[in-house]
Amino acid sequence: MKEIKYVVTDPLGIHARPAGLIVKMAAGFKSAITLDNGAKKADAKRIMAVMSMGTKQGNEITVTVDGEDEDAAAAAIETFLKENL
């Protein structure tokens, strides 16, 4: 299991566009990917779950990746977060 911690820097937080991109990326991996902002958890492969978290700028999220391709999934998601959020 891999775990990534990231503080959201995007002024809009995790809104529709990045949520959609996260879901699209997560769907490409076999591993289970979960987002946790301290108040809510969401399956990263479900758009409504990710958007309903209400993650704002300054919130820390923890991404948990567990499965056969967890190394590749964790690396891809960490890169995405740094580049887009």
Protein backbone atom coordinates (compact mmCIF):
# COMPACT_ATOMS: atom_id res chain seq x y z
CA MET A 1 0.00 0.00 0.00
CA LYS A 2 1.23 3.47 -0.93
CA GLU A 3 0.16 6.70 0.73
CA ILE A 4 0.59 10.24 -0.59
CA LYS A 5 -0.12 13.41 1.39
CA TYR A 6 -0.71 16.63 -0.53
CA VAL A 7 -1.94 20.12 0.39
CA VAL A 8 -4.28 21.51 -2.28
CA THR A 9 -2.97 24.83 -3.64
CA ASP A 10 -5.57 25.45 -6.38
CA PRO A 11 -7.72 28.45 -5.35
CA LEU A 12 -10.87 26.54 -6.36
CA GLY A 13 -9.90 23.31 -4.59
CA ILE A 14 -10.88 20.03 -6.23
CA HIS A 15 -13.63 21.24 -8.56
CA ALA A 16 -15.22 19.57 -11.60
CA ARG A 17 -12.29 19.69 -14.03
CA PRO A 18 -9.56 18.24 -11.80
CA ALA A 19 -12.04 15.79 -10.25
CA GLY A 20 -12.84 14.47 -13.72
CA LEU A 21 -9.15 14.17 -14.57
CA ILE A 22 -8.43 12.32 -11.31
CA VAL A 23 -11.26 9.86 -12.00
CA LYS A 24 -10.13 9.32 -15.59
CA MET A 25 -6.55 8.66 -14.43
CA ALA A 26 -7.61 6.38 -11.56
CA ALA A 27 -9.82 4.31 -13.88
CA GLY A 28 -6.71 3.37 -15.86
CA PHE A 29 -5.26 1.45 -12.91
CA LYS A 30 -6.33 -1.83 -11.32
CA SER A 31 -5.41 -0.68 -7.80
CA ALA A 32 -7.97 0.67 -5.35
CA ILE A 33 -7.40 4.41 -4.98
CA THR A 34 -8.97 6.37 -2.12
CA LEU A 35 -8.93 10.09 -1.38
CA ASP A 36 -9.32 11.34 2.21
CA ASN A 37 -9.50 15.02 3.18
CA GLY A 38 -9.91 14.38 6.90
CA ALA A 39 -13.68 14.90 6.82
CA LYS A 40 -14.68 12.60 3.97
CA LYS A 41 -13.26 9.67 2.01
CA ALA A 42 -13.96 8.91 -1.64
CA ASP A 43 -13.24 6.24 -4.22
CA ALA A 44 -11.07 8.06 -6.77
CA LYS A 45 -12.82 6.18 -9.59
CA ARG A 46 -16.22 7.78 -8.82
CA ILE A 47 -16.69 11.39 -9.99
CA MET A 48 -19.58 12.26 -7.68
CA ALA A 49 -17.73 10.88 -4.67
CA VAL A 50 -14.63 12.97 -5.43
CA MET A 51 -16.63 16.16 -6.02
CA SER A 52 -18.81 15.66 -2.93
CA MET A 53 -15.73 15.73 -0.69
CA GLY A 54 -15.72 19.52 -0.93
CA THR A 55 -11.92 19.77 -0.78
CA LYS A 56 -10.82 23.43 -0.68
CA GLN A 57 -7.53 25.26 -1.07
CA GLY A 58 -5.28 24.59 1.91
CA ASN A 59 -6.86 21.21 2.75
CA GLU A 60 -4.52 18.27 3.05
CA ILE A 61 -5.60 15.16 1.21
CA THR A 62 -4.27 11.66 1.72
CA VAL A 63 -4.29 9.39 -1.32
CA THR A 64 -4.13 5.67 -0.56
CA VAL A 65 -3.25 3.28 -3.38
CA ASP A 66 -3.48 -0.47 -2.87
CA GLY A 67 -3.13 -3.14 -5.54
CA GLU A 68 -0.96 -4.81 -8.11
CA ASP A 69 -0.01 -1.61 -9.97
CA GLU A 70 0.17 0.65 -6.90
CA ASP A 71 3.69 1.95 -7.64
CA ALA A 72 2.75 3.25 -11.09
CA ALA A 73 -0.63 4.57 -9.89
CA ALA A 74 0.88 6.41 -6.92
CA ALA A 75 3.58 7.99 -9.09
CA ALA A 76 1.05 9.13 -11.70
CA ILE A 77 -1.33 10.60 -9.14
CA GLU A 78 1.43 12.37 -7.22
CA THR A 79 2.67 13.97 -10.46
CA PHE A 80 -0.89 14.99 -11.38
CA LEU A 81 -1.49 16.61 -7.98
CA LYS A 82 1.73 18.63 -8.13
CA GLU A 83 1.04 19.82 -11.68
CA ASN A 84 -2.70 20.54 -11.39
CA LEU A 85 -3.73 21.18 -7.81
